[in-house]
Amino acid sequence: MAKNSPVEFFQQVRAETAKVTWPTRRETLITTAMVFVMVFLASIFFLVVDQVLRFGVSTLLTLGH
């Protein structure tokens, strides 16, 4: 594998960056909103699971007394 000069490397980086299809502002906003919704839903899910497990463990511990 041949080594490239720094100038050639940056020219290649610039050429590859030009090929990137960047998302539109609308796509970015929709994706961001979807991420927030999914984080909210996941946090509610884990809250419910945590409360159920807490109740189960506390019930098992009180049975032992």
N, C-alpha and C. Protein backbone atom coordinates (compact mmCIF):
# COMPACT_ATOMS: atom_id res chain seq x y z
N MET A 1 0.85 -1.18 0.00
CA MET A 1 0.00 0.00 0.00
C MET A 1 0.90 1.24 0.00
N ALA A 2 0.68 2.09 -0.98
CA ALA A 2 1.51 3.28 -1.11
C ALA A 2 1.04 4.35 -0.14
N LYS A 3 2.00 5.11 0.37
CA LYS A 3 1.66 6.20 1.29
C LYS A 3 1.32 7.44 0.48
N ASN A 4 0.28 8.13 0.91
CA ASN A 4 -0.13 9.37 0.24
C ASN A 4 0.44 10.56 0.99
N SER A 5 0.65 11.63 0.26
CA SER A 5 1.10 12.84 0.90
C SER A 5 -0.08 13.47 1.64
N PRO A 6 0.19 14.30 2.65
CA PRO A 6 -0.92 14.95 3.37
C PRO A 6 -1.84 15.76 2.46
N VAL A 7 -1.28 16.40 1.46
CA VAL A 7 -2.09 17.20 0.54
C VAL A 7 -3.03 16.28 -0.24
N GLU A 8 -2.51 15.17 -0.73
CA GLU A 8 -3.34 14.22 -1.49
C GLU A 8 -4.42 13.62 -0.58
N PHE A 9 -4.05 13.33 0.65
CA PHE A 9 -5.01 12.79 1.61
C PHE A 9 -6.19 13.75 1.80
N PHE A 10 -5.90 15.02 2.02
CA PHE A 10 -6.97 15.99 2.24
C PHE A 10 -7.80 16.22 0.97
N GLN A 11 -7.19 16.08 -0.18
CA GLN A 11 -7.95 16.17 -1.43
C GLN A 11 -8.93 15.00 -1.54
N GLN A 12 -8.49 13.82 -1.13
CA GLN A 12 -9.36 12.65 -1.15
C GLN A 12 -10.49 12.79 -0.13
N VAL A 13 -10.16 13.32 1.04
CA VAL A 13 -11.19 13.55 2.06
C VAL A 13 -12.23 14.52 1.54
N ARG A 14 -11.80 15.60 0.91
CA ARG A 14 -12.73 16.58 0.36
C ARG A 14 -13.61 15.96 -0.73
N ALA A 15 -13.03 15.11 -1.57
CA ALA A 15 -13.79 14.46 -2.64
C ALA A 15 -14.83 13.51 -2.05
N GLU A 16 -14.47 12.75 -1.02
CA GLU A 16 -15.42 11.83 -0.39
C GLU A 16 -16.52 12.59 0.35
N THR A 17 -16.17 13.69 1.00
CA THR A 17 -17.16 14.49 1.72
C THR A 17 -18.18 15.07 0.74
N ALA A 18 -17.76 15.41 -0.45
CA ALA A 18 -18.67 15.96 -1.45
C ALA A 18 -19.70 14.92 -1.89
N LYS A 19 -19.39 13.62 -1.75
CA LYS A 19 -20.31 12.56 -2.15
C LYS A 19 -21.39 12.28 -1.11
N VAL A 20 -21.22 12.81 0.10
CA VAL A 20 -22.16 12.55 1.18
C VAL A 20 -23.50 13.22 0.90
N THR A 21 -24.59 12.48 1.11
CA THR A 21 -25.92 13.05 0.99
C THR A 21 -26.36 13.50 2.37
N TRP A 22 -26.36 14.81 2.59
CA TRP A 22 -26.69 15.35 3.89
C TRP A 22 -28.20 15.43 4.06
N PRO A 23 -28.72 15.17 5.25
CA PRO A 23 -30.17 15.25 5.46
C PRO A 23 -30.66 16.70 5.40
N THR A 24 -31.91 16.83 5.02
CA THR A 24 -32.50 18.18 5.00
C THR A 24 -32.81 18.60 6.43
N ARG A 25 -33.14 19.86 6.59
CA ARG A 25 -33.50 20.37 7.92
C ARG A 25 -34.73 19.63 8.45
N ARG A 26 -35.71 19.40 7.57
CA ARG A 26 -36.94 18.71 7.98
C ARG A 26 -36.63 17.28 8.42
N GLU A 27 -35.81 16.57 7.66
CA GLU A 27 -35.43 15.20 8.04
C GLU A 27 -34.73 15.18 9.39
N THR A 28 -33.87 16.14 9.62
CA THR A 28 -33.15 16.21 10.89
C THR A 28 -34.11 16.47 12.05
N LEU A 29 -35.06 17.37 11.86
CA LEU A 29 -36.03 17.67 12.92
C LEU A 29 -36.93 16.46 13.21
N ILE A 30 -37.38 15.77 12.16
CA ILE A 30 -38.22 14.59 12.35
C ILE A 30 -37.45 13.50 13.08
N THR A 31 -36.23 13.27 12.68
CA THR A 31 -35.41 12.24 13.32
C THR A 31 -35.15 12.60 14.78
N THR A 32 -34.88 13.86 15.06
CA THR A 32 -34.66 14.30 16.44
C THR A 32 -35.91 14.09 17.28
N ALA A 33 -37.07 14.43 16.74
CA ALA A 33 -38.33 14.23 17.46
C ALA A 33 -38.55 12.75 17.73
N MET A 34 -38.26 11.90 16.75
CA MET A 34 -38.42 10.46 16.94
C MET A 34 -37.52 9.94 18.05
N VAL A 35 -36.31 10.45 18.11
CA VAL A 35 -35.38 10.04 19.17
C VAL A 35 -35.93 10.43 20.53
N PHE A 36 -36.44 11.67 20.67
CA PHE A 36 -37.00 12.10 21.95
C PHE A 36 -38.20 11.25 22.35
N VAL A 37 -39.06 10.93 21.39
CA VAL A 37 -40.23 10.09 21.69
C VAL A 37 -39.78 8.71 22.15
N MET A 38 -38.81 8.11 21.47
CA MET A 38 -38.35 6.78 21.84
C MET A 38 -37.66 6.79 23.21
N VAL A 39 -36.91 7.83 23.52
CA VAL A 39 -36.28 7.94 24.83
C VAL A 39 -37.35 8.06 25.91
N PHE A 40 -38.39 8.84 25.66
CA PHE A 40 -39.49 8.98 26.61
C PHE A 40 -40.18 7.64 26.84
N LEU A 41 -40.50 6.94 25.75
CA LEU A 41 -41.16 5.64 25.88
C LEU A 41 -40.28 4.62 26.60
N ALA A 42 -39.00 4.61 26.30
CA ALA A 42 -38.09 3.69 26.98
C ALA A 42 -38.00 4.01 28.46
N SER A 43 -37.98 5.30 28.81
CA SER A 43 -37.89 5.66 30.22
C SER A 43 -39.16 5.25 30.97
N ILE A 44 -40.33 5.39 30.35
CA ILE A 44 -41.58 4.95 30.97
C ILE A 44 -41.56 3.43 31.14
N PHE A 45 -41.12 2.71 30.12
CA PHE A 45 -41.04 1.25 30.19
C PHE A 45 -40.16 0.82 31.35
N PHE A 46 -38.97 1.39 31.45
CA PHE A 46 -38.05 0.99 32.51
C PHE A 46 -38.54 1.42 33.89
N LEU A 47 -39.26 2.52 33.97
CA LEU A 47 -39.87 2.92 35.24
C LEU A 47 -40.88 1.86 35.69
N VAL A 48 -41.73 1.42 34.77
CA VAL A 48 -42.74 0.41 35.10
C VAL A 48 -42.06 -0.91 35.50
N VAL A 49 -41.07 -1.34 34.72
CA VAL A 49 -40.36 -2.58 35.05
C VAL A 49 -39.69 -2.46 36.41
N ASP A 50 -39.09 -1.34 36.70
CA ASP A 50 -38.43 -1.13 37.98
C ASP A 50 -39.43 -1.21 39.13
N GLN A 51 -40.59 -0.59 38.96
CA GLN A 51 -41.60 -0.61 40.02
C GLN A 51 -42.14 -2.01 40.24
N VAL A 52 -42.36 -2.76 39.17
CA VAL A 52 -42.85 -4.14 39.30
C VAL A 52 -41.81 -5.00 40.01
N LEU A 53 -40.55 -4.88 39.63
CA LEU A 53 -39.50 -5.65 40.29
C LEU A 53 -39.35 -5.24 41.75
N ARG A 54 -39.44 -3.95 42.03
CA ARG A 54 -39.36 -3.48 43.42
C ARG A 54 -40.48 -4.07 44.25
N PHE A 55 -41.68 -4.07 43.71
CA PHE A 55 -42.82 -4.64 44.42
C PHE A 55 -42.61 -6.14 44.64
N GLY A 56 -42.15 -6.84 43.61
CA GLY A 56 -41.92 -8.28 43.73
C GLY A 56 -40.88 -8.62 44.76
N VAL A 57 -39.77 -7.90 44.75
CA VAL A 57 -38.69 -8.17 45.70
C VAL A 57 -39.15 -7.84 47.13
N SER A 58 -39.82 -6.72 47.30
CA SER A 58 -40.27 -6.37 48.65
C SER A 58 -41.30 -7.37 49.16
N THR A 59 -42.15 -7.87 48.27
CA THR A 59 -43.13 -8.90 48.67
C THR A 59 -42.42 -10.19 49.09
N LEU A 60 -41.41 -10.60 48.33
CA LEU A 60 -40.65 -11.80 48.70
C LEU A 60 -39.92 -11.63 50.02
N LEU A 61 -39.39 -10.45 50.26
CA LEU A 61 -38.66 -10.21 51.50
C LEU A 61 -39.60 -10.19 52.71
N THR A 62 -40.82 -9.69 52.54
CA THR A 62 -41.76 -9.68 53.68
C THR A 62 -42.30 -11.08 53.96
N LEU A 63 -42.31 -11.95 52.98
CA LEU A 63 -42.76 -13.34 53.21
C LEU A 63 -41.78 -14.09 54.10
N GLY A 64 -40.54 -13.69 54.10
CA GLY A 64 -39.52 -14.36 54.89
C GLY A 64 -39.57 -14.04 56.36
N HIS A 65 -40.30 -13.00 56.72
CA HIS A 65 -40.34 -12.63 58.15
C HIS A 65 -41.42 -13.31 58.88
